[in-house]
PDB file of N, CA and C in Angstrom:
ATOM      1  N   UNK A   1      64.022  -0.736  13.966  1.00  0.00           N
ATOM      2  CA  UNK A   1      62.555  -1.295  14.277  1.00  0.00           C
ATOM      3  C   UNK A   1      62.061  -1.487  16.207  1.00  0.00           C
ATOM      4  N   UNK A   2      61.183  -0.750  16.122  1.00  0.00           N
ATOM      5  CA  UNK A   2      60.820  -1.014  17.600  1.00  0.00           C
ATOM      6  C   UNK A   2      59.648  -2.127  17.557  1.00  0.00           C
ATOM      7  N   UNK A   3      59.303  -2.091  18.976  1.00  0.00           N
ATOM      8  CA  UNK A   3      58.225  -3.177  19.274  1.00  0.00           C
ATOM      9  C   UNK A   3      57.528  -2.622  21.057  1.00  0.00           C
ATOM     10  N   UNK A   4      56.449  -3.042  20.917  1.00  0.00           N
ATOM     11  CA  UNK A   4      55.817  -2.657  21.992  1.00  0.00           C
ATOM     12  C   UNK A   4      54.700  -3.659  22.632  1.00  0.00           C
ATOM     13  N   UNK A   5      54.731  -4.148  24.019  1.00  0.00           N
ATOM     14  CA  UNK A   5      53.788  -4.997  24.342  1.00  0.00           C
ATOM     15  C   UNK A   5      52.679  -4.162  25.391  1.00  0.00           C
ATOM     16  N   UNK A   6      51.056  -3.724  24.724  1.00  0.00           N
ATOM     17  CA  UNK A   6      50.635  -2.927  25.044  1.00  0.00           C
ATOM     18  C   UNK A   6      49.714  -3.855  25.986  1.00  0.00           C
ATOM     19  N   UNK A   7      48.773  -3.432  27.693  1.00  0.00           N
ATOM     20  CA  UNK A   7      48.213  -3.996  27.814  1.00  0.00           C
ATOM     21  C   UNK A   7      46.430  -2.530  28.259  1.00  0.00           C
ATOM     22  N   UNK A   8      45.114  -2.796  27.408  1.00  0.00           N
ATOM     23  CA  UNK A   8      44.244  -1.668  27.558  1.00  0.00           C
ATOM     24  C   UNK A   8      43.586  -2.497  28.686  1.00  0.00           C
ATOM     25  N   UNK A   9      43.234  -1.577  29.890  1.00  0.00           N
ATOM     26  CA  UNK A   9      42.104  -1.760  30.816  1.00  0.00           C
ATOM     27  C   UNK A   9      40.879  -0.980  30.320  1.00  0.00           C
ATOM     28  N   UNK A  10      39.742  -0.629  31.144  1.00  0.00           N
ATOM     29  CA  UNK A  10      38.668  -1.037  30.912  1.00  0.00           C
ATOM     30  C   UNK A  10      37.514  -1.657  30.650  1.00  0.00           C
ATOM     31  N   UNK A  11      36.459  -0.759  29.749  1.00  0.00           N
ATOM     32  CA  UNK A  11      35.503  -1.308  29.593  1.00  0.00           C
ATOM     33  C   UNK A  11      36.201  -1.770  27.462  1.00  0.00           C
ATOM     34  N   UNK A  12      37.123  -3.162  27.483  1.00  0.00           N
ATOM     35  CA  UNK A  12      37.470  -2.367  26.147  1.00  0.00           C
ATOM     36  C   UNK A  12      37.116  -3.797  25.771  1.00  0.00           C
ATOM     37  N   UNK A  13      36.132  -5.117  25.909  1.00  0.00           N
ATOM     38  CA  UNK A  13      35.892  -6.202  25.032  1.00  0.00           C
ATOM     39  C   UNK A  13      34.159  -5.897  24.960  1.00  0.00           C
ATOM     40  N   UNK A  14      34.098  -6.222  23.686  1.00  0.00           N
ATOM     41  CA  UNK A  14      32.666  -6.229  23.360  1.00  0.00           C
ATOM     42  C   UNK A  14      31.949  -5.165  23.383  1.00  0.00           C
ATOM     43  N   UNK A  15      32.729  -4.338  22.774  1.00  0.00           N
ATOM     44  CA  UNK A  15      32.831  -3.034  22.005  1.00  0.00           C
ATOM     45  C   UNK A  15      33.781  -3.332  20.829  1.00  0.00           C
ATOM     46  N   UNK A  16      34.199  -4.040  19.926  1.00  0.00           N
ATOM     47  CA  UNK A  16      34.751  -3.875  18.769  1.00  0.00           C
ATOM     48  C   UNK A  16      36.134  -3.628  18.582  1.00  0.00           C
ATOM     49  N   UNK A  17      36.668  -3.840  20.282  1.00  0.00           N
ATOM     50  CA  UNK A  17      38.211  -2.966  19.948  1.00  0.00           C
ATOM     51  C   UNK A  17      39.426  -3.598  19.039  1.00  0.00           C
ATOM     52  N   UNK A  18      39.021  -5.240  18.809  1.00  0.00           N
ATOM     53  CA  UNK A  18      40.398  -5.812  18.541  1.00  0.00           C
ATOM     54  C   UNK A  18      40.125  -5.485  16.930  1.00  0.00           C
ATOM     55  N   UNK A  19      38.628  -5.638  16.345  1.00  0.00           N
ATOM     56  CA  UNK A  19      38.196  -5.005  15.093  1.00  0.00           C
ATOM     57  C   UNK A  19      39.059  -3.682  14.444  1.00  0.00           C
ATOM     58  N   UNK A  20      39.024  -2.505  15.680  1.00  0.00           N
ATOM     59  CA  UNK A  20      38.810  -1.430  15.253  1.00  0.00           C
ATOM     60  C   UNK A  20      40.694  -1.094  15.275  1.00  0.00           C
ATOM     61  N   UNK A  21      41.288  -1.988  16.544  1.00  0.00           N
ATOM     62  CA  UNK A  21      42.508  -1.801  16.265  1.00  0.00           C
ATOM     63  C   UNK A  21      43.463  -2.284  14.803  1.00  0.00           C
ATOM     64  N   UNK A  22      42.896  -3.399  14.039  1.00  0.00           N
ATOM     65  CA  UNK A  22      43.425  -4.331  13.316  1.00  0.00           C
ATOM     66  C   UNK A  22      42.933  -3.050  12.421  1.00  0.00           C
ATOM     67  N   UNK A  23      41.885  -2.622  12.020  1.00  0.00           N
ATOM     68  CA  UNK A  23      41.336  -1.260  11.095  1.00  0.00           C
ATOM     69  C   UNK A  23      42.261  -0.248  11.163  1.00  0.00           C
ATOM     70  N   UNK A  24      42.771   0.053  12.421  1.00  0.00           N
ATOM     71  CA  UNK A  24      43.413   1.417  12.349  1.00  0.00           C
ATOM     72  C   UNK A  24      44.772   0.936  11.938  1.00  0.00           C
ATOM     73  N   UNK A  25      45.383   0.107  12.505  1.00  0.00           N
ATOM     74  CA  UNK A  25      46.758  -0.504  11.747  1.00  0.00           C
ATOM     75  C   UNK A  25      46.847  -0.422  10.431  1.00  0.00           C
ATOM     76  N   UNK A  26      46.084  -0.603   9.694  1.00  0.00           N
ATOM     77  CA  UNK A  26      45.848  -0.512   8.294  1.00  0.00           C
ATOM     78  C   UNK A  26      46.677   0.521   8.056  1.00  0.00           C
ATOM     79  N   UNK A  27      45.923   1.223   8.390  1.00  0.00           N
ATOM     80  CA  UNK A  27      46.879   3.027   7.857  1.00  0.00           C
ATOM     81  C   UNK A  27      48.598   3.365   8.522  1.00  0.00           C
ATOM     82  N   UNK A  28      49.036   2.246   9.064  1.00  0.00           N
ATOM     83  CA  UNK A  28      50.273   2.908   9.213  1.00  0.00           C
ATOM     84  C   UNK A  28      51.266   1.775   8.989  1.00  0.00           C
ATOM     85  N   UNK A  29      51.952   1.606   9.303  1.00  0.00           N
ATOM     86  CA  UNK A  29      53.376   0.754   8.596  1.00  0.00           C
ATOM     87  C   UNK A  29      53.813  -0.154   9.933  1.00  0.00           C
ATOM     88  N   UNK A  30      52.785  -0.973  10.665  1.00  0.00           N
ATOM     89  CA  UNK A  30      52.988  -1.699  11.716  1.00  0.00           C
ATOM     90  C   UNK A  30      52.683  -2.932  11.201  1.00  0.00           C
ATOM     91  N   UNK A  31      53.294  -3.828  12.029  1.00  0.00           N
ATOM     92  CA  UNK A  31      52.769  -5.960  12.113  1.00  0.00           C
ATOM     93  C   UNK A  31      52.666  -5.745  13.707  1.00  0.00           C
ATOM     94  N   UNK A  32      51.910  -7.012  13.911  1.00  0.00           N
ATOM     95  CA  UNK A  32      51.639  -7.386  15.348  1.00  0.00           C
ATOM     96  C   UNK A  32      50.263  -8.366  15.316  1.00  0.00           C
ATOM     97  N   UNK A  33      49.702  -7.994  16.869  1.00  0.00           N
ATOM     98  CA  UNK A  33      48.314  -8.944  16.713  1.00  0.00           C
ATOM     99  C   UNK A  33      47.870  -8.293  18.368  1.00  0.00           C
ATOM    100  N   UNK A  34      46.605  -8.484  17.903  1.00  0.00           N
ATOM    101  CA  UNK A  34      45.671  -7.981  19.767  1.00  0.00           C
ATOM    102  C   UNK A  34      45.188  -9.321  19.542  1.00  0.00           C
ATOM    103  N   UNK A  35      44.152  -9.222  20.931  1.00  0.00           N
ATOM    104  CA  UNK A  35      43.927 -10.665  21.583  1.00  0.00           C
ATOM    105  C   UNK A  35      42.711 -10.458  23.025  1.00  0.00           C
ATOM    106  N   UNK A  36      41.960 -10.991  23.131  1.00  0.00           N
ATOM    107  CA  UNK A  36      41.231 -10.326  24.246  1.00  0.00           C
ATOM    108  C   UNK A  36      41.724 -11.352  25.276  1.00  0.00           C
ATOM    109  N   UNK A  37      42.023 -10.733  26.617  1.00  0.00           N
ATOM    110  CA  UNK A  37      42.090 -11.620  27.945  1.00  0.00           C
ATOM    111  C   UNK A  37      41.300 -12.306  28.589  1.00  0.00           C
ATOM    112  N   UNK A  38      41.336 -13.314  29.370  1.00  0.00           N
ATOM    113  CA  UNK A  38      39.983 -13.633  30.294  1.00  0.00           C
ATOM    114  C   UNK A  38      39.451 -12.689  31.448  1.00  0.00           C
ATOM    115  N   UNK A  39      40.527 -11.807  31.398  1.00  0.00           N
ATOM    116  CA  UNK A  39      40.964 -11.243  33.151  1.00  0.00           C
ATOM    117  C   UNK A  39      39.522  -9.507  32.189  1.00  0.00           C
ATOM    118  N   UNK A  40      39.482  -9.152  31.084  1.00  0.00           N
ATOM    119  CA  UNK A  40      38.948  -8.230  30.524  1.00  0.00           C
ATOM    120  C   UNK A  40      39.490  -7.699  29.741  1.00  0.00           C
ATOM    121  N   UNK A  41      40.878  -7.444  29.542  1.00  0.00           N
ATOM    122  CA  UNK A  41      41.838  -6.325  29.151  1.00  0.00           C
ATOM    123  C   UNK A  41      41.810  -7.110  27.829  1.00  0.00           C
ATOM    124  N   UNK A  42      42.534  -5.936  27.097  1.00  0.00           N
ATOM    125  CA  UNK A  42      42.813  -6.491  25.529  1.00  0.00           C
ATOM    126  C   UNK A  42      44.433  -6.141  25.767  1.00  0.00           C
ATOM    127  N   UNK A  43      44.675  -7.201  25.308  1.00  0.00           N
ATOM    128  CA  UNK A  43      46.910  -7.377  25.183  1.00  0.00           C
ATOM    129  C   UNK A  43      46.970  -7.401  23.327  1.00  0.00           C
ATOM    130  N   UNK A  44      48.318  -6.337  23.092  1.00  0.00           N
ATOM    131  CA  UNK A  44      48.289  -5.884  21.947  1.00  0.00           C
ATOM    132  C   UNK A  44      49.839  -6.055  21.890  1.00  0.00           C
ATOM    133  N   UNK A  45      50.750  -6.344  21.273  1.00  0.00           N
ATOM    134  CA  UNK A  45      51.828  -6.720  20.502  1.00  0.00           C
ATOM    135  C   UNK A  45      51.960  -6.170  18.974  1.00  0.00           C
ATOM    136  N   UNK A  46      52.501  -4.950  19.055  1.00  0.00           N
ATOM    137  CA  UNK A  46      53.119  -3.989  17.790  1.00  0.00           C
ATOM    138  C   UNK A  46      54.371  -3.756  17.617  1.00  0.00           C
ATOM    139  N   UNK A  47      54.932  -4.149  16.206  1.00  0.00           N
ATOM    140  CA  UNK A  47      55.937  -3.999  16.177  1.00  0.00           C
ATOM    141  C   UNK A  47      56.068  -2.928  14.358  1.00  0.00           C
ATOM    142  N   UNK A  48      57.400  -2.083  14.265  1.00  0.00           N
ATOM    143  CA  UNK A  48      57.419  -1.335  13.090  1.00  0.00           C
ATOM    144  C   UNK A  48      58.596  -0.368  13.313  1.00  0.00           C
ATOM    145  N   UNK A  49      58.844   0.585  12.902  1.00  0.00           N
ATOM    146  CA  UNK A  49      59.596   1.717  12.494  1.00  0.00           C
ATOM    147  C   UNK A  49      59.200   2.838  13.777  1.00  0.00           C
ATOM    148  N   UNK A  50      60.003   3.235  14.748  1.00  0.00           N
ATOM    149  CA  UNK A  50      59.588   3.943  15.931  1.00  0.00           C
ATOM    150  C   UNK A  50      58.370   5.250  15.687  1.00  0.00           C
ATOM    151  N   UNK A  51      58.723   5.991  14.934  1.00  0.00           N
ATOM    152  CA  UNK A  51      58.095   6.823  14.712  1.00  0.00           C
ATOM    153  C   UNK A  51      55.955   6.192  14.390  1.00  0.00           C
ATOM    154  N   UNK A  52      56.009   4.786  13.306  1.00  0.00           N
ATOM    155  CA  UNK A  52      54.859   4.442  13.265  1.00  0.00           C
ATOM    156  C   UNK A  52      54.118   3.669  14.536  1.00  0.00           C
ATOM    157  N   UNK A  53      55.077   3.121  15.299  1.00  0.00           N
ATOM    158  CA  UNK A  53      54.603   2.221  16.284  1.00  0.00           C
ATOM    159  C   UNK A  53      54.493   3.639  17.219  1.00  0.00           C
ATOM    160  N   UNK A  54      55.245   4.365  17.697  1.00  0.00           N
ATOM    161  CA  UNK A  54      54.061   5.957  18.565  1.00  0.00           C
ATOM    162  C   UNK A  54      53.006   6.362  18.050  1.00  0.00           C
ATOM    163  N   UNK A  55      52.954   6.599  16.667  1.00  0.00           N
ATOM    164  CA  UNK A  55      52.151   7.271  15.715  1.00  0.00           C
ATOM    165  C   UNK A  55      50.741   6.210  16.202  1.00  0.00           C
ATOM    166  N   UNK A  56      50.588   4.888  16.045  1.00  0.00           N
ATOM    167  CA  UNK A  56      49.472   4.287  15.849  1.00  0.00           C
ATOM    168  C   UNK A  56      49.412   3.847  17.472  1.00  0.00           C
ATOM    169  N   UNK A  57      50.291   3.907  18.056  1.00  0.00           N
ATOM    170  CA  UNK A  57      49.770   3.693  19.612  1.00  0.00           C
ATOM    171  C   UNK A  57      48.830   5.247  20.288  1.00  0.00           C
ATOM    172  N   UNK A  58      49.306   6.281  19.627  1.00  0.00           N
ATOM    173  CA  UNK A  58      48.643   7.690  19.610  1.00  0.00           C
ATOM    174  C   UNK A  58      47.138   7.352  19.612  1.00  0.00           C
ATOM    175  N   UNK A  59      47.374   7.526  18.089  1.00  0.00           N
ATOM    176  CA  UNK A  59      45.917   7.132  17.624  1.00  0.00           C
ATOM    177  C   UNK A  59      44.734   5.950  18.072  1.00  0.00           C
ATOM    178  N   UNK A  60      45.343   4.992  18.669  1.00  0.00           N
ATOM    179  CA  UNK A  60      44.374   3.959  19.363  1.00  0.00           C
ATOM    180  C   UNK A  60      44.092   4.680  20.655  1.00  0.00           C
ATOM    181  N   UNK A  61      44.863   5.769  21.408  1.00  0.00           N
ATOM    182  CA  UNK A  61      44.067   6.457  22.397  1.00  0.00           C
ATOM    183  C   UNK A  61      43.251   7.289  22.145  1.00  0.00           C
ATOM    184  N   UNK A  62      43.416   7.860  20.924  1.00  0.00           N
ATOM    185  CA  UNK A  62      42.448   9.277  20.296  1.00  0.00           C
ATOM    186  C   UNK A  62      41.351   8.760  19.356  1.00  0.00           C
ATOM    187  N   UNK A  63      41.439   7.025  19.066  1.00  0.00           N
ATOM    188  CA  UNK A  63      40.283   6.670  18.268  1.00  0.00           C
ATOM    189  C   UNK A  63      38.863   7.037  19.167  1.00  0.00           C
ATOM    190  N   UNK A  64      37.879   6.065  18.226  1.00  0.00           N
ATOM    191  CA  UNK A  64      36.905   6.018  18.836  1.00  0.00           C
ATOM    192  C   UNK A  64      36.261   5.116  20.267  1.00  0.00           C
ATOM    193  N   UNK A  65      37.605   4.524  20.305  1.00  0.00           N
ATOM    194  CA  UNK A  65      38.058   3.646  21.325  1.00  0.00           C
ATOM    195  C   UNK A  65      38.206   4.385  22.753  1.00  0.00           C
ATOM    196  N   UNK A  66      38.774   5.719  22.538  1.00  0.00           N
ATOM    197  CA  UNK A  66      39.197   6.230  23.581  1.00  0.00           C
ATOM    198  C   UNK A  66      37.999   6.344  25.116  1.00  0.00           C
ATOM    199  N   UNK A  67      37.072   6.461  24.759  1.00  0.00           N
ATOM    200  CA  UNK A  67      35.973   6.556  25.655  1.00  0.00           C
ATOM    201  C   UNK A  67      36.121   5.351  26.585  1.00  0.00           C
ATOM    202  N   UNK A  68      36.375   4.047  25.853  1.00  0.00           N
ATOM    203  CA  UNK A  68      36.300   2.503  26.715  1.00  0.00           C
ATOM    204  C   UNK A  68      37.791   2.419  27.162  1.00  0.00           C
ATOM    205  N   UNK A  69      38.719   2.866  27.425  1.00  0.00           N
ATOM    206  CA  UNK A  69      40.061   2.474  27.778  1.00  0.00           C
ATOM    207  C   UNK A  69      40.364   3.703  29.089  1.00  0.00           C
ATOM    208  N   UNK A  70      40.589   2.724  30.364  1.00  0.00           N
ATOM    209  CA  UNK A  70      40.544   3.433  31.463  1.00  0.00           C
ATOM    210  C   UNK A  70      42.006   3.306  31.788  1.00  0.00           C
ATOM    211  N   UNK A  71      43.066   2.682  31.486  1.00  0.00           N
ATOM    212  CA  UNK A  71      44.461   2.465  31.677  1.00  0.00           C
ATOM    213  C   UNK A  71      44.917   1.772  30.575  1.00  0.00           C
ATOM    214  N   UNK A  72      46.294   2.248  30.285  1.00  0.00           N
ATOM    215  CA  UNK A  72      47.254   1.583  29.180  1.00  0.00           C
ATOM    216  C   UNK A  72      48.500   1.276  29.803  1.00  0.00           C
ATOM    217  N   UNK A  73      48.785  -0.051  29.717  1.00  0.00           N
ATOM    218  CA  UNK A  73      50.266  -0.403  30.183  1.00  0.00           C
ATOM    219  C   UNK A  73      51.118  -0.903  28.733  1.00  0.00           C
ATOM    220  N   UNK A  74      52.295   0.269  28.717  1.00  0.00           N
ATOM    221  CA  UNK A  74      53.141  -0.154  27.221  1.00  0.00           C
ATOM    222  C   UNK A  74      54.381  -0.596  27.847  1.00  0.00           C
ATOM    223  N   UNK A  75      55.029  -1.401  27.428  1.00  0.00           N
ATOM    224  CA  UNK A  75      56.265  -1.664  27.636  1.00  0.00           C
ATOM    225  C   UNK A  75      57.094  -1.909  26.510  1.00  0.00           C
ATOM    226  N   UNK A  76      58.447  -1.512  26.197  1.00  0.00           N
ATOM    227  CA  UNK A  76      59.312  -1.377  25.078  1.00  0.00           C
ATOM    228  C   UNK A  76      59.613  -3.535  25.334  1.00  0.00           C
ATOM    229  N   UNK A  77      59.909  -3.863  24.075  1.00  0.00           N
ATOM    230  CA  UNK A  77      60.177  -5.212  24.084  1.00  0.00           C
ATOM    231  C   UNK A  77      60.860  -5.389  22.559  1.00  0.00           C
ATOM    232  N   UNK A  78      61.783  -6.365  22.624  1.00  0.00           N
ATOM    233  CA  UNK A  78      62.241  -6.518  21.362  1.00  0.00           C
ATOM    234  C   UNK A  78      62.106  -6.516  20.459  1.00  0.00           C
ATOM    235  N   UNK A  79      61.658  -6.013  18.934  1.00  0.00           N
ATOM    236  CA  UNK A  79      61.409  -6.063  17.437  1.00  0.00           C
ATOM    237  C   UNK A  79      60.854  -7.828  17.017  1.00  0.00           C
ATOM    238  N   UNK A  80      60.174  -8.139  16.703  1.00  0.00           N
ATOM    239  CA  UNK A  80      59.721  -9.580  16.437  1.00  0.00           C
ATOM    240  C   UNK A  80      59.177  -9.372  14.980  1.00  0.00           C
ATOM    241  N   UNK A  81      59.272 -10.860  14.676  1.00  0.00           N
ATOM    242  CA  UNK A  81      58.610 -10.749  13.060  1.00  0.00           C
ATOM    243  C   UNK A  81      57.777 -11.374  12.874  1.00  0.00           C
ATOM    244  N   UNK A  82      56.893 -10.626  12.010  1.00  0.00           N
ATOM    245  CA  UNK A  82      54.990 -10.733  12.027  1.00  0.00           C
ATOM    246  C   UNK A  82      54.943 -10.208  10.681  1.00  0.00           C
ATOM    247  N   UNK A  83      53.957 -10.600   9.997  1.00  0.00           N
ATOM    248  CA  UNK A  83      53.394 -10.269   8.489  1.00  0.00           C
ATOM    249  C   UNK A  83      51.697  -9.679   9.161  1.00  0.00           C
ATOM    250  N   UNK A  84      51.472  -8.232   8.531  1.00  0.00           N
ATOM    251  CA  UNK A  84      50.550  -7.539   8.692  1.00  0.00           C
ATOM    252  C   UNK A  84      49.962  -7.586  10.226  1.00  0.00           C
ATOM    253  N   UNK A  85      48.691  -7.687  10.258  1.00  0.00           N
ATOM    254  CA  UNK A  85      48.568  -7.272  12.274  1.00  0.00           C
ATOM    255  C   UNK A  85      47.117  -8.115  12.062  1.00  0.00           C
ATOM    256  N   UNK A  86      46.805  -9.057  13.364  1.00  0.00           N
ATOM    257  CA  UNK A  86      46.140  -9.659  13.207  1.00  0.00           C
ATOM    258  C   UNK A  86      45.122 -10.009  14.382  1.00  0.00           C
ATOM    259  N   UNK A  87      43.789 -10.854  14.527  1.00  0.00           N
ATOM    260  CA  UNK A  87      43.599 -10.268  15.531  1.00  0.00           C
ATOM    261  C   UNK A  87      43.530 -11.850  16.102  1.00  0.00           C
ATOM    262  N   UNK A  88      43.835 -12.339  17.281  1.00  0.00           N
ATOM    263  CA  UNK A  88      44.238 -13.289  18.144  1.00  0.00           C
ATOM    264  C   UNK A  88      43.071 -14.243  18.853  1.00  0.00           C
ATOM    265  N   UNK A  89      42.687 -15.212  18.775  1.00  0.00           N
ATOM    266  CA  UNK A  89      41.506 -15.672  19.664  1.00  0.00           C
ATOM    267  C   UNK A  89      42.440 -16.399  20.660  1.00  0.00           C
TER     268      UNK A  89
END
């Protein structure tokens, strides 16, 4: 198991980013959450098998969201317990 804490910068709010992330996560064996931040970034934590987490993060950057993402900051964090992949408000 591995986990990542990710911050996306760019035009990532108001474009369906969180919904798209949740929808995309359904295709991978990952759990976690995604939320908007007051500073305009989107924050996400994702946990799962190393290959699944890496494939999911790569798919995020190659998805329809690609044109909205200007920078990505990824940090390794300890694995955490979660069920599903949720949008946090």
